[in-house]
Amino acid sequence: MSMNQSNNQIIKKNLLIICRGAGDLATGIIHRLHRAGHRVIALETDYPAAIRRQVSFCEAVYDGSAAVEGVTARLVPALTNTETYSGINDTPAAHIASEKWDSSAIKAVLEAGEVPLLIDPKGESIALLKPDVVVDAIIAKKNLGTTINMAPLVIGVGPGFTAGQDVHLVIESMRGHNLARIITDGMAQPNTGVPGNIAGFTSERVIHAPAAGYIHDVRKIGDIVQKGDEIARIYPDKESYDNALSEYVPVNATITGIIRGLIREGYYFRKGFKIADIDPRESELTNCFTISDKARSIAGSVLEAVSAFEHGVKIY
């Protein structure tokens, strides 16, 4: 084996990828990249609001770890709870991050064959970790701070990014003919606000909060419900939530089917917030606990872009 070949193999083995976001679509990406042999680190917010919690690595923020289809993400706590001061007195971002995260703890999780998850909504750790690739899969429908200079390859998933400006590549996230298409120039299709069609149902299969408050889950993910069944209750404040006899606003199933997603017990949200998802296909129970077809499609395109990058194939 030549030295050149050996170096290429080392690069492939040691490719470091940071994924901003660890919801269900991001989890599909993280899972695929991890299974392909890459070192992947996930970044999340302090209070993630995943609906499809059984297939979202962001649940590790609450539980310390989360396992999805044989891959485990593990929370690496910050060294301190104090605020960081990025940009003040020109303090280098990498130095700030080094004061907040223990790189040896991150390395230990990677060496254990798991995915380290950091609570880092601003992406401050990126300067410390110096990844080869950054993937923004927050799916916020807008760019929350990702820049094209964060890594040699930066990929944005869904609307809010422009290939060639704030990222190198964009991955289409809209269901349809162009789902998972790699965009080298321009943007993904804008968000329509209409969920994808499943068995003839679109908007009605997604439930939004009828009131602001704290949720108490009456049913659980995987339960079969009939249209009109109560699946959760919303209490207006923490005191009411702690008192089961308090008044509440019921959340009812909008269609008959399986509860595929339900926001975490005790989560506080505003009126109109997405809190549940019902799959009308009652025979598809296992779908509640496995990565979706959409997530796998997007993940495949991200892996394609990463593979092209690591082999020196320029696609943008």
Protein backbone atom coordinates (compact mmCIF):
# COMPACT_ATOMS: atom_id res chain seq x y z
CA MET A 1 0.00 0.00 0.00
CA SER A 2 1.36 3.41 -0.94
CA MET A 3 1.69 6.26 1.56
CA ASN A 4 -0.93 8.13 -0.44
CA GLN A 5 -3.44 5.30 -0.07
CA SER A 6 -2.66 4.99 3.63
CA ASN A 7 -3.23 8.69 4.22
CA ASN A 8 -6.54 8.55 2.36
CA GLN A 9 -7.71 5.68 4.56
CA ILE A 10 -6.75 7.60 7.70
CA ILE A 11 -8.71 10.62 6.50
CA LYS A 12 -11.79 8.51 5.83
CA LYS A 13 -11.58 6.77 9.20
CA ASN A 14 -11.10 9.98 11.14
CA LEU A 15 -13.57 12.25 9.35
CA LEU A 16 -15.29 14.35 12.02
CA ILE A 17 -18.82 15.58 11.36
CA ILE A 18 -20.92 17.89 13.51
CA CYS A 19 -24.68 17.87 13.07
CA ARG A 20 -26.60 20.87 14.37
CA GLY A 21 -29.89 19.46 15.58
CA ALA A 22 -30.87 15.99 16.78
CA GLY A 23 -34.61 15.77 16.05
CA ASP A 24 -36.06 12.92 14.03
CA LEU A 25 -34.74 14.06 10.61
CA ALA A 26 -31.33 14.95 12.02
CA THR A 27 -31.24 11.61 13.84
CA GLY A 28 -31.66 9.83 10.51
CA ILE A 29 -28.64 11.73 9.20
CA ILE A 30 -26.54 11.13 12.31
CA HIS A 31 -27.45 7.44 12.32
CA ARG A 32 -26.48 6.98 8.64
CA LEU A 33 -23.16 8.82 9.00
CA HIS A 34 -22.29 6.92 12.16
CA ARG A 35 -23.11 3.58 10.55
CA ALA A 36 -20.90 4.56 7.61
CA GLY A 37 -17.94 4.81 10.00
CA HIS A 38 -17.72 8.54 10.57
CA ARG A 39 -17.29 10.23 13.93
CA VAL A 40 -20.42 12.29 14.48
CA ILE A 41 -21.18 14.84 17.19
CA ALA A 42 -24.68 16.23 17.68
CA LEU A 43 -25.52 19.72 18.94
CA GLU A 44 -28.87 20.54 20.50
CA THR A 45 -30.77 23.19 22.44
CA ASP A 46 -31.44 23.06 26.18
CA TYR A 47 -35.12 22.10 25.80
CA PRO A 48 -35.64 20.23 22.54
CA ALA A 49 -39.28 19.84 21.45
CA ALA A 50 -39.21 16.66 19.38
CA ILE A 51 -42.56 15.07 18.60
CA ARG A 52 -41.21 11.75 17.29
CA ARG A 53 -39.29 11.22 20.52
CA GLN A 54 -38.72 7.48 20.04
CA VAL A 55 -36.50 8.19 17.04
CA SER A 56 -34.83 11.43 18.16
CA PHE A 57 -31.36 11.57 19.67
CA CYS A 58 -32.25 14.92 21.27
CA GLU A 59 -34.03 12.98 24.04
CA ALA A 60 -30.54 12.45 25.47
CA VAL A 61 -30.72 16.05 26.70
CA TYR A 62 -33.35 14.91 29.21
CA ASP A 63 -32.43 11.28 29.82
CA GLY A 64 -28.62 11.34 29.50
CA SER A 65 -28.68 8.97 26.53
CA ALA A 66 -30.97 7.94 23.68
CA ALA A 67 -30.80 4.82 21.51
CA VAL A 68 -32.26 4.63 18.00
CA GLU A 69 -31.96 1.47 15.89
CA GLY A 70 -28.84 0.25 17.61
CA VAL A 71 -26.99 3.58 17.81
CA THR A 72 -26.67 5.48 21.10
CA ALA A 73 -26.25 9.21 21.59
CA ARG A 74 -24.86 10.26 24.95
CA LEU A 75 -25.05 13.67 26.58
CA VAL A 76 -21.69 15.29 27.34
CA PRO A 77 -22.52 17.90 30.01
CA ALA A 78 -20.94 21.34 29.91
CA LEU A 79 -18.19 21.97 32.44
CA THR A 80 -20.04 24.99 33.79
CA ASN A 81 -23.51 26.46 33.66
CA THR A 82 -22.18 30.00 33.35
CA GLU A 83 -22.85 32.03 30.22
CA THR A 84 -20.22 32.11 27.52
CA TYR A 85 -18.89 35.41 26.25
CA SER A 86 -18.30 34.91 22.58
CA GLY A 87 -17.22 38.11 20.88
CA ILE A 88 -16.50 40.09 24.04
CA ASN A 89 -12.98 41.54 24.21
CA ASP A 90 -12.18 39.57 21.04
CA THR A 91 -11.85 36.34 23.01
CA PRO A 92 -11.28 33.53 20.48
CA ALA A 93 -14.33 31.32 20.10
CA ALA A 94 -12.24 28.15 20.42
CA HIS A 95 -10.92 29.30 23.80
CA ILE A 96 -14.44 30.04 25.03
CA ALA A 97 -15.63 26.60 23.95
CA SER A 98 -12.64 24.89 25.59
CA GLU A 99 -13.72 26.44 28.88
CA LYS A 100 -17.22 25.00 28.48
CA TRP A 101 -16.68 21.46 27.15
CA ASP A 102 -14.21 18.76 28.07
CA SER A 103 -12.77 17.53 24.79
CA SER A 104 -11.48 14.35 26.48
CA ALA A 105 -15.05 13.47 27.55
CA ILE A 106 -16.23 13.97 23.98
CA LYS A 107 -13.39 11.76 22.73
CA ALA A 108 -14.27 9.05 25.26
CA VAL A 109 -17.85 8.84 23.98
CA LEU A 110 -16.61 8.62 20.39
CA GLU A 111 -14.14 5.88 21.29
CA ALA A 112 -16.98 3.95 22.95
CA GLY A 113 -18.69 3.86 19.56
CA GLU A 114 -21.42 6.32 20.53
CA VAL A 115 -22.52 9.77 19.41
CA PRO A 116 -21.61 12.62 21.79
CA LEU A 117 -24.43 15.14 22.20
CA LEU A 118 -23.68 18.67 23.42
CA ILE A 119 -26.15 21.31 24.53
CA ASP A 120 -24.88 23.99 22.18
CA PRO A 121 -27.64 25.82 20.28
CA LYS A 122 -25.25 28.53 19.04
CA GLY A 123 -22.66 26.10 17.71
CA GLU A 124 -19.88 27.51 19.89
CA SER A 125 -18.14 24.14 20.11
CA ILE A 126 -17.53 24.06 16.35
CA ALA A 127 -14.53 26.37 16.65
CA LEU A 128 -13.02 24.09 19.33
CA LEU A 129 -13.65 20.79 17.55
CA LYS A 130 -12.70 21.92 14.03
CA PRO A 131 -14.86 19.38 12.15
CA ASP A 132 -14.36 18.35 8.54
CA VAL A 133 -18.08 18.70 7.89
CA VAL A 134 -20.95 20.63 9.47
CA VAL A 135 -24.55 19.62 8.74
CA ASP A 136 -27.33 21.97 9.80
CA ALA A 137 -30.40 19.78 10.25
CA ILE A 138 -32.20 21.91 12.82
CA ILE A 139 -35.10 22.21 10.32
CA ALA A 140 -36.01 25.67 11.60
CA LYS A 141 -37.08 26.82 8.11
CA LYS A 142 -34.44 29.54 8.49
CA ASN A 143 -30.71 29.78 9.13
CA LEU A 144 -29.94 30.02 12.86
CA GLY A 145 -26.31 31.00 12.51
CA THR A 146 -24.63 28.44 10.26
CA THR A 147 -21.92 29.93 8.03
CA ILE A 148 -20.00 28.54 5.09
CA ASN A 149 -16.65 28.99 6.88
CA MET A 150 -17.53 26.68 9.79
CA ALA A 151 -15.92 23.70 8.03
CA PRO A 152 -14.43 22.64 4.68
CA LEU A 153 -17.89 21.24 3.84
CA VAL A 154 -21.08 22.80 5.21
CA ILE A 155 -24.49 21.33 4.34
CA GLY A 156 -27.89 22.86 5.08
CA VAL A 157 -31.05 20.74 5.15
CA GLY A 158 -34.30 22.30 4.01
CA PRO A 159 -35.32 25.93 3.42
CA GLY A 160 -33.39 28.87 4.86
CA PHE A 161 -30.01 28.18 3.26
CA THR A 162 -28.48 29.26 -0.04
CA ALA A 163 -25.91 26.96 -1.62
CA GLY A 164 -22.75 28.89 -2.40
CA GLN A 165 -23.49 31.62 0.15
CA ASP A 166 -24.06 30.44 3.72
CA VAL A 167 -23.51 26.73 2.95
CA HIS A 168 -21.79 24.73 0.23
CA LEU A 169 -24.74 22.42 -0.43
CA VAL A 170 -28.45 22.32 0.37
CA ILE A 171 -30.52 19.13 0.68
CA GLU A 172 -34.17 19.36 -0.34
CA SER A 173 -36.50 18.38 2.51
CA MET A 174 -39.88 18.79 0.78
CA ARG A 175 -41.68 15.52 0.07
CA GLY A 176 -42.19 14.83 -3.61
CA HIS A 177 -40.13 14.24 -6.71
CA ASN A 178 -37.20 16.39 -5.52
CA LEU A 179 -37.00 15.08 -1.94
CA ALA A 180 -33.33 14.72 -0.90
CA ARG A 181 -32.02 16.32 -4.09
CA ILE A 182 -28.54 17.83 -3.59
CA ILE A 183 -28.72 21.51 -4.51
CA THR A 184 -25.44 23.11 -5.57
CA ASP A 185 -26.81 26.54 -6.44
CA GLY A 186 -29.75 28.26 -4.79
CA MET A 187 -32.25 27.24 -2.15
CA ALA A 188 -34.62 24.43 -1.23
CA GLN A 189 -38.32 24.85 -1.83
CA PRO A 190 -39.95 27.23 0.66
CA ASN A 191 -41.97 25.79 3.53
CA THR A 192 -45.63 25.45 2.57
CA GLY A 193 -46.85 24.77 6.10
CA VAL A 194 -48.71 21.69 4.82
CA PRO A 195 -47.48 18.31 6.13
CA GLY A 196 -46.79 15.52 3.66
CA ASN A 197 -49.65 13.34 2.50
CA ILE A 198 -49.97 10.04 4.34
CA ALA A 199 -52.88 7.81 3.31
CA GLY A 200 -54.79 10.84 2.08
CA PHE A 201 -54.28 12.93 5.23
CA THR A 202 -52.12 16.06 5.44
CA SER A 203 -52.78 18.90 7.91
CA GLU A 204 -55.36 16.96 9.90
CA ARG A 205 -52.83 14.33 11.01
CA VAL A 206 -50.71 16.94 12.82
CA ILE A 207 -52.04 18.39 16.08
CA HIS A 208 -51.21 21.90 17.25
CA ALA A 209 -51.76 23.12 20.79
CA PRO A 210 -55.24 24.64 21.26
CA ALA A 211 -53.87 26.67 24.19
CA ALA A 212 -50.60 27.65 25.85
CA GLY A 213 -49.46 25.68 28.86
CA TYR A 214 -47.86 22.52 30.24
CA ILE A 215 -48.81 19.20 28.70
CA HIS A 216 -49.86 16.05 30.50
CA ASP A 217 -49.88 13.03 28.22
CA VAL A 218 -53.00 10.88 28.60
CA ARG A 219 -51.96 8.47 25.85
CA LYS A 220 -48.51 7.45 24.62
CA ILE A 221 -46.63 7.01 21.37
CA GLY A 222 -47.75 3.78 19.70
CA ASP A 223 -51.32 3.89 21.04
CA ILE A 224 -54.17 3.39 18.58
CA VAL A 225 -56.78 6.12 18.98
CA GLN A 226 -60.12 6.99 17.47
CA LYS A 227 -60.97 10.44 16.15
CA GLY A 228 -62.08 12.56 19.13
CA ASP A 229 -60.26 10.51 21.79
CA GLU A 230 -58.47 12.56 24.44
CA ILE A 231 -54.72 12.08 24.07
CA ALA A 232 -53.38 14.85 26.33
CA ARG A 233 -54.30 17.74 28.61
CA ILE A 234 -52.90 21.26 28.73
CA TYR A 235 -52.65 23.04 32.06
CA PRO A 236 -52.27 26.85 31.97
CA ASP A 237 -49.46 27.12 34.53
CA LYS A 238 -47.07 25.02 36.59
CA GLU A 239 -49.29 25.16 39.68
CA SER A 240 -52.24 23.80 37.71
CA TYR A 241 -50.05 21.12 36.14
CA ASP A 242 -48.98 19.96 39.61
CA ASN A 243 -52.61 19.78 40.75
CA ALA A 244 -54.54 17.07 38.93
CA LEU A 245 -57.86 18.64 39.97
CA SER A 246 -57.17 21.91 38.14
CA GLU A 247 -58.96 22.96 34.98
CA TYR A 248 -57.32 22.01 31.71
CA VAL A 249 -57.78 22.15 27.95
CA PRO A 250 -58.18 18.69 26.37
CA VAL A 251 -56.22 17.67 23.30
CA ASN A 252 -58.22 15.30 21.13
CA ALA A 253 -57.20 13.03 18.27
CA THR A 254 -58.02 14.69 14.96
CA ILE A 255 -58.14 11.42 13.02
CA THR A 256 -58.21 7.69 13.75
CA GLY A 257 -54.80 6.05 13.74
CA ILE A 258 -51.60 5.49 15.70
CA ILE A 259 -49.97 8.20 17.80
CA ARG A 260 -46.63 8.45 16.01
CA GLY A 261 -45.41 11.52 17.85
CA LEU A 262 -46.29 13.25 21.13
CA ILE A 263 -44.36 16.02 22.83
CA ARG A 264 -42.63 15.24 26.09
CA GLU A 265 -44.61 15.17 29.33
CA GLY A 266 -44.50 18.52 31.18
CA TYR A 267 -43.24 20.54 28.21
CA TYR A 268 -44.38 24.16 28.12
CA PHE A 269 -45.43 25.68 24.79
CA ARG A 270 -47.43 28.48 23.26
CA LYS A 271 -50.79 28.14 21.55
CA GLY A 272 -50.40 26.75 18.04
CA PHE A 273 -47.21 24.80 18.82
CA LYS A 274 -46.92 21.41 17.12
CA ILE A 275 -47.47 18.80 19.83
CA ALA A 276 -48.56 15.52 18.23
CA ASP A 277 -48.66 13.49 15.02
CA ILE A 278 -51.09 10.70 14.15
CA ASP A 279 -50.41 8.10 11.46
CA PRO A 280 -53.70 6.95 9.88
CA ARG A 281 -52.17 3.57 8.95
CA GLU A 282 -53.04 1.46 12.00
CA SER A 283 -50.98 -1.45 10.68
CA GLU A 284 -47.75 0.59 10.74
CA LEU A 285 -47.02 0.43 14.48
CA THR A 286 -43.30 -0.20 13.97
CA ASN A 287 -43.03 3.16 12.15
CA CYS A 288 -43.30 4.86 15.55
CA PHE A 289 -40.01 3.35 16.60
CA THR A 290 -37.95 3.41 13.40
CA ILE A 291 -36.35 6.15 11.30
CA SER A 292 -38.76 7.47 8.65
CA ASP A 293 -38.45 7.07 4.90
CA LYS A 294 -38.02 10.84 4.60
CA ALA A 295 -35.18 10.91 7.12
CA ARG A 296 -33.44 7.99 5.41
CA SER A 297 -33.72 9.66 2.01
CA ILE A 298 -32.21 12.91 3.25
CA ALA A 299 -29.53 11.01 5.15
CA GLY A 300 -28.54 9.17 1.99
CA SER A 301 -27.96 12.44 0.15
CA VAL A 302 -25.93 13.86 3.03
CA LEU A 303 -23.78 10.71 3.02
CA GLU A 304 -23.37 11.02 -0.77
CA ALA A 305 -22.12 14.59 -0.38
CA VAL A 306 -19.78 13.59 2.45
CA SER A 307 -18.41 10.63 0.45
CA ALA A 308 -17.75 12.87 -2.55
CA PHE A 309 -15.96 15.31 -0.27
CA GLU A 310 -13.74 12.69 1.36
CA HIS A 311 -12.80 11.24 -2.05
CA GLY A 312 -11.94 14.65 -3.45
CA VAL A 313 -14.87 14.69 -5.89
CA LYS A 314 -16.01 18.28 -6.30
CA ILE A 315 -19.80 18.49 -6.67
CA TYR A 316 -20.26 22.19 -6.00
